[in-house]
Amino acid sequence: MSLVDLSSTSASLFILGVIFLMLIFGLLSFGILRMFQQRFRTGWISFAGAVISFVVFMFILNKWYL
């Protein structure tokens, strides 16, 4: 294993990535939890929110950082 150099990454890109990763995986976790609780409608809504968040994240990355 080696160390990862984050010095070439801008602070705004790093913060944006952290926020969206927490949002996407939080919604996925919440959706899985709701599915186990047999609340399927809110589970699917959480999955849809995670997919929409991912699409918005990719759009922002393509528009501002690439």
C-alpha atoms as a PDB file:
ATOM      1  CA  MET A   1       0.000   0.000   0.000  1.00  0.00           C
ATOM      2  CA  SER A   2       1.086   3.517  -0.659  1.00  0.00           C
ATOM      3  CA  LEU A   3      -0.028   6.959   0.383  1.00  0.00           C
ATOM      4  CA  VAL A   4      -2.423   8.908  -1.803  1.00  0.00           C
ATOM      5  CA  ASP A   5      -1.385  12.450  -2.698  1.00  0.00           C
ATOM      6  CA  LEU A   6      -4.351  14.829  -2.464  1.00  0.00           C
ATOM      7  CA  SER A   7      -2.338  18.014  -2.875  1.00  0.00           C
ATOM      8  CA  SER A   8      -3.371  18.450  -6.525  1.00  0.00           C
ATOM      9  CA  THR A   9      -7.073  18.170  -5.618  1.00  0.00           C
ATOM     10  CA  SER A  10      -8.843  21.449  -5.021  1.00  0.00           C
ATOM     11  CA  ALA A  11     -10.623  21.963  -1.720  1.00  0.00           C
ATOM     12  CA  SER A  12     -13.982  22.547  -3.401  1.00  0.00           C
ATOM     13  CA  LEU A  13     -13.748  19.274  -5.356  1.00  0.00           C
ATOM     14  CA  PHE A  14     -12.802  17.354  -2.214  1.00  0.00           C
ATOM     15  CA  ILE A  15     -15.660  18.851  -0.170  1.00  0.00           C
ATOM     16  CA  LEU A  16     -18.146  18.280  -3.004  1.00  0.00           C
ATOM     17  CA  GLY A  17     -17.052  14.650  -3.289  1.00  0.00           C
ATOM     18  CA  VAL A  18     -17.324  14.038   0.444  1.00  0.00           C
ATOM     19  CA  ILE A  19     -20.776  15.624   0.671  1.00  0.00           C
ATOM     20  CA  PHE A  20     -22.167  13.706  -2.294  1.00  0.00           C
ATOM     21  CA  LEU A  21     -20.641  10.404  -1.168  1.00  0.00           C
ATOM     22  CA  MET A  22     -22.215  10.811   2.263  1.00  0.00           C
ATOM     23  CA  LEU A  23     -25.556  11.710   0.649  1.00  0.00           C
ATOM     24  CA  ILE A  24     -25.560   8.854  -1.866  1.00  0.00           C
ATOM     25  CA  PHE A  25     -24.452   6.112   0.516  1.00  0.00           C
ATOM     26  CA  GLY A  26     -26.646   7.486   3.293  1.00  0.00           C
ATOM     27  CA  LEU A  27     -29.688   7.222   1.055  1.00  0.00           C
ATOM     28  CA  LEU A  28     -28.689   3.713  -0.035  1.00  0.00           C
ATOM     29  CA  SER A  29     -28.286   2.629   3.591  1.00  0.00           C
ATOM     30  CA  PHE A  30     -31.598   4.201   4.531  1.00  0.00           C
ATOM     31  CA  GLY A  31     -33.287   2.439   1.604  1.00  0.00           C
ATOM     32  CA  ILE A  32     -31.886  -0.934   2.642  1.00  0.00           C
ATOM     33  CA  LEU A  33     -33.008  -0.317   6.226  1.00  0.00           C
ATOM     34  CA  ARG A  34     -36.522   0.534   5.073  1.00  0.00           C
ATOM     35  CA  MET A  35     -36.653  -2.576   2.900  1.00  0.00           C
ATOM     36  CA  PHE A  36     -35.771  -4.735   5.910  1.00  0.00           C
ATOM     37  CA  GLN A  37     -38.504  -2.969   7.871  1.00  0.00           C
ATOM     38  CA  GLN A  38     -40.859  -3.864   4.994  1.00  0.00           C
ATOM     39  CA  ARG A  39     -41.587  -0.250   4.161  1.00  0.00           C
ATOM     40  CA  PHE A  40     -41.045  -0.773   0.473  1.00  0.00           C
ATOM     41  CA  ARG A  41     -42.353   2.557  -0.768  1.00  0.00           C
ATOM     42  CA  THR A  42     -39.952   4.665   1.296  1.00  0.00           C
ATOM     43  CA  GLY A  43     -37.168   2.207   0.488  1.00  0.00           C
ATOM     44  CA  TRP A  44     -37.647   2.659  -3.251  1.00  0.00           C
ATOM     45  CA  ILE A  45     -37.922   6.428  -2.814  1.00  0.00           C
ATOM     46  CA  SER A  46     -34.570   6.393  -0.993  1.00  0.00           C
ATOM     47  CA  PHE A  47     -33.009   4.315  -3.793  1.00  0.00           C
ATOM     48  CA  ALA A  48     -34.393   6.760  -6.361  1.00  0.00           C
ATOM     49  CA  GLY A  49     -32.963   9.652  -4.341  1.00  0.00           C
ATOM     50  CA  ALA A  50     -29.546   7.980  -4.361  1.00  0.00           C
ATOM     51  CA  VAL A  51     -29.687   7.521  -8.138  1.00  0.00           C
ATOM     52  CA  ILE A  52     -30.795  11.122  -8.680  1.00  0.00           C
ATOM     53  CA  SER A  53     -28.024  12.345  -6.361  1.00  0.00           C
ATOM     54  CA  PHE A  54     -25.475  10.331  -8.332  1.00  0.00           C
ATOM     55  CA  VAL A  55     -26.706  11.783 -11.635  1.00  0.00           C
ATOM     56  CA  VAL A  56     -26.543  15.331 -10.228  1.00  0.00           C
ATOM     57  CA  PHE A  57     -23.043  14.645  -8.886  1.00  0.00           C
ATOM     58  CA  MET A  58     -21.850  13.419 -12.289  1.00  0.00           C
ATOM     59  CA  PHE A  59     -23.442  16.435 -13.997  1.00  0.00           C
ATOM     60  CA  ILE A  60     -21.686  18.841 -11.614  1.00  0.00           C
ATOM     61  CA  LEU A  61     -18.359  17.061 -12.088  1.00  0.00           C
ATOM     62  CA  ASN A  62     -18.672  17.196 -15.887  1.00  0.00           C
ATOM     63  CA  LYS A  63     -19.773  20.826 -15.890  1.00  0.00           C
ATOM     64  CA  TRP A  64     -17.330  22.353 -13.368  1.00  0.00           C
ATOM     65  CA  TYR A  65     -14.323  20.064 -13.051  1.00  0.00           C
ATOM     66  CA  LEU A  66     -13.725  18.384 -16.420  1.00  0.00           C
END
